Amino acid sequence: MSPLMAIFQQVVVQELFERILFIWAIRHPASGYVQGINDLVLPFFVVFLSEFIENDVDIENFDISSLSESNRR
């Protein structure tokens, strides 16, 4: 999946990834910033997101703001 896809251009998704990467940095201070951690997060994001959307919906163009706040956390 390319970072240029519509789903990754959404502010909500970018904030979600930022929060995940921030928590990673806090929990692993010895490693600090490591390029590529976002690539490791991506498959988990897609799997967890797929539980909340219909099978016929294209995940690449899904509007994540349509999910409730509790489902986005």
C-alpha atoms as a PDB file:
ATOM      1  CA  MET A   1       0.000   0.000   0.000  1.00  0.00           C
ATOM      2  CA  SER A   2       1.307   3.361  -1.030  1.00  0.00           C
ATOM      3  CA  PRO A   3       1.308   6.356   1.310  1.00  0.00           C
ATOM      4  CA  LEU A   4      -0.262   8.293  -1.579  1.00  0.00           C
ATOM      5  CA  MET A   5      -3.502   6.304  -1.310  1.00  0.00           C
ATOM      6  CA  ALA A   6      -6.595   8.274  -0.329  1.00  0.00           C
ATOM      7  CA  ILE A   7      -6.968   6.583   3.060  1.00  0.00           C
ATOM      8  CA  PHE A   8      -3.507   7.707   4.169  1.00  0.00           C
ATOM      9  CA  GLN A   9      -4.182  11.301   3.118  1.00  0.00           C
ATOM     10  CA  GLN A  10      -6.939  11.606   5.720  1.00  0.00           C
ATOM     11  CA  VAL A  11      -5.963  13.706   8.729  1.00  0.00           C
ATOM     12  CA  VAL A  12      -7.612  11.215  11.094  1.00  0.00           C
ATOM     13  CA  VAL A  13      -5.440   8.369   9.786  1.00  0.00           C
ATOM     14  CA  GLN A  14      -2.285  10.486   9.934  1.00  0.00           C
ATOM     15  CA  GLU A  15      -3.040  11.431  13.547  1.00  0.00           C
ATOM     16  CA  LEU A  16      -3.701   7.787  14.382  1.00  0.00           C
ATOM     17  CA  PHE A  17      -0.330   6.732  12.964  1.00  0.00           C
ATOM     18  CA  GLU A  18       1.366   9.648  14.722  1.00  0.00           C
ATOM     19  CA  ARG A  19      -0.132   8.517  18.044  1.00  0.00           C
ATOM     20  CA  ILE A  20       1.017   4.921  17.477  1.00  0.00           C
ATOM     21  CA  LEU A  21       4.546   6.012  16.541  1.00  0.00           C
ATOM     22  CA  PHE A  22       4.696   8.370  19.528  1.00  0.00           C
ATOM     23  CA  ILE A  23       3.746   5.535  21.873  1.00  0.00           C
ATOM     24  CA  TRP A  24       6.409   3.348  20.227  1.00  0.00           C
ATOM     25  CA  ALA A  25       9.050   6.032  20.838  1.00  0.00           C
ATOM     26  CA  ILE A  26       7.995   6.438  24.492  1.00  0.00           C
ATOM     27  CA  ARG A  27       7.981   2.683  25.127  1.00  0.00           C
ATOM     28  CA  HIS A  28      11.330   2.120  23.365  1.00  0.00           C
ATOM     29  CA  PRO A  29      13.524   5.098  24.311  1.00  0.00           C
ATOM     30  CA  ALA A  30      16.767   3.271  23.565  1.00  0.00           C
ATOM     31  CA  SER A  31      15.899   2.927  19.894  1.00  0.00           C
ATOM     32  CA  GLY A  32      14.320   6.379  19.538  1.00  0.00           C
ATOM     33  CA  TYR A  33      13.113   7.113  16.036  1.00  0.00           C
ATOM     34  CA  VAL A  34      13.492   4.187  13.668  1.00  0.00           C
ATOM     35  CA  GLN A  35      12.605   4.630  10.028  1.00  0.00           C
ATOM     36  CA  GLY A  36      10.184   1.972   8.846  1.00  0.00           C
ATOM     37  CA  ILE A  37       8.165   1.433  12.024  1.00  0.00           C
ATOM     38  CA  ASN A  38       5.181   2.906  10.186  1.00  0.00           C
ATOM     39  CA  ASP A  39       5.567   0.100   7.614  1.00  0.00           C
ATOM     40  CA  LEU A  40       5.255  -2.433  10.436  1.00  0.00           C
ATOM     41  CA  VAL A  41       2.114  -0.721  11.749  1.00  0.00           C
ATOM     42  CA  LEU A  42       0.373  -0.730   8.366  1.00  0.00           C
ATOM     43  CA  PRO A  43      -0.676  -4.431   8.208  1.00  0.00           C
ATOM     44  CA  PHE A  44      -2.097  -4.264  11.738  1.00  0.00           C
ATOM     45  CA  PHE A  45      -3.999  -1.099  10.848  1.00  0.00           C
ATOM     46  CA  VAL A  46      -5.548  -2.750   7.778  1.00  0.00           C
ATOM     47  CA  VAL A  47      -6.511  -5.917   9.679  1.00  0.00           C
ATOM     48  CA  PHE A  48      -8.098  -4.031  12.579  1.00  0.00           C
ATOM     49  CA  LEU A  49      -9.871  -1.612  10.235  1.00  0.00           C
ATOM     50  CA  SER A  50     -11.288  -4.468   8.158  1.00  0.00           C
ATOM     51  CA  GLU A  51     -13.223  -5.640  11.236  1.00  0.00           C
ATOM     52  CA  PHE A  52     -15.262  -2.415  11.206  1.00  0.00           C
ATOM     53  CA  ILE A  53     -16.114  -2.071   7.513  1.00  0.00           C
ATOM     54  CA  GLU A  54     -18.279  -4.049   5.120  1.00  0.00           C
ATOM     55  CA  ASN A  55     -16.651  -6.618   2.836  1.00  0.00           C
ATOM     56  CA  ASP A  56     -17.754  -4.795  -0.317  1.00  0.00           C
ATOM     57  CA  VAL A  57     -16.163  -1.483   0.747  1.00  0.00           C
ATOM     58  CA  ASP A  58     -12.813  -0.606  -0.790  1.00  0.00           C
ATOM     59  CA  ILE A  59     -10.441  -0.041   2.138  1.00  0.00           C
ATOM     60  CA  GLU A  60      -8.205   2.199   0.021  1.00  0.00           C
ATOM     61  CA  ASN A  61     -10.936   4.832  -0.286  1.00  0.00           C
ATOM     62  CA  PHE A  62     -12.713   4.271   3.031  1.00  0.00           C
ATOM     63  CA  ASP A  63     -13.582   7.417   4.996  1.00  0.00           C
ATOM     64  CA  ILE A  64     -12.333   6.565   8.466  1.00  0.00           C
ATOM     65  CA  SER A  65     -14.138   9.552   9.989  1.00  0.00           C
ATOM     66  CA  SER A  66     -17.381   7.616   9.433  1.00  0.00           C
ATOM     67  CA  LEU A  67     -16.342   5.310  12.294  1.00  0.00           C
ATOM     68  CA  SER A  68     -17.261   6.244  15.837  1.00  0.00           C
ATOM     69  CA  GLU A  69     -14.606   7.845  18.017  1.00  0.00           C
ATOM     70  CA  SER A  70     -14.445   4.740  20.224  1.00  0.00           C
ATOM     71  CA  ASN A  71     -13.778   2.489  17.216  1.00  0.00           C
ATOM     72  CA  ARG A  72     -10.952   4.755  16.070  1.00  0.00           C
ATOM     73  CA  ARG A  73      -9.121   4.400  19.371  1.00  0.00           C
END
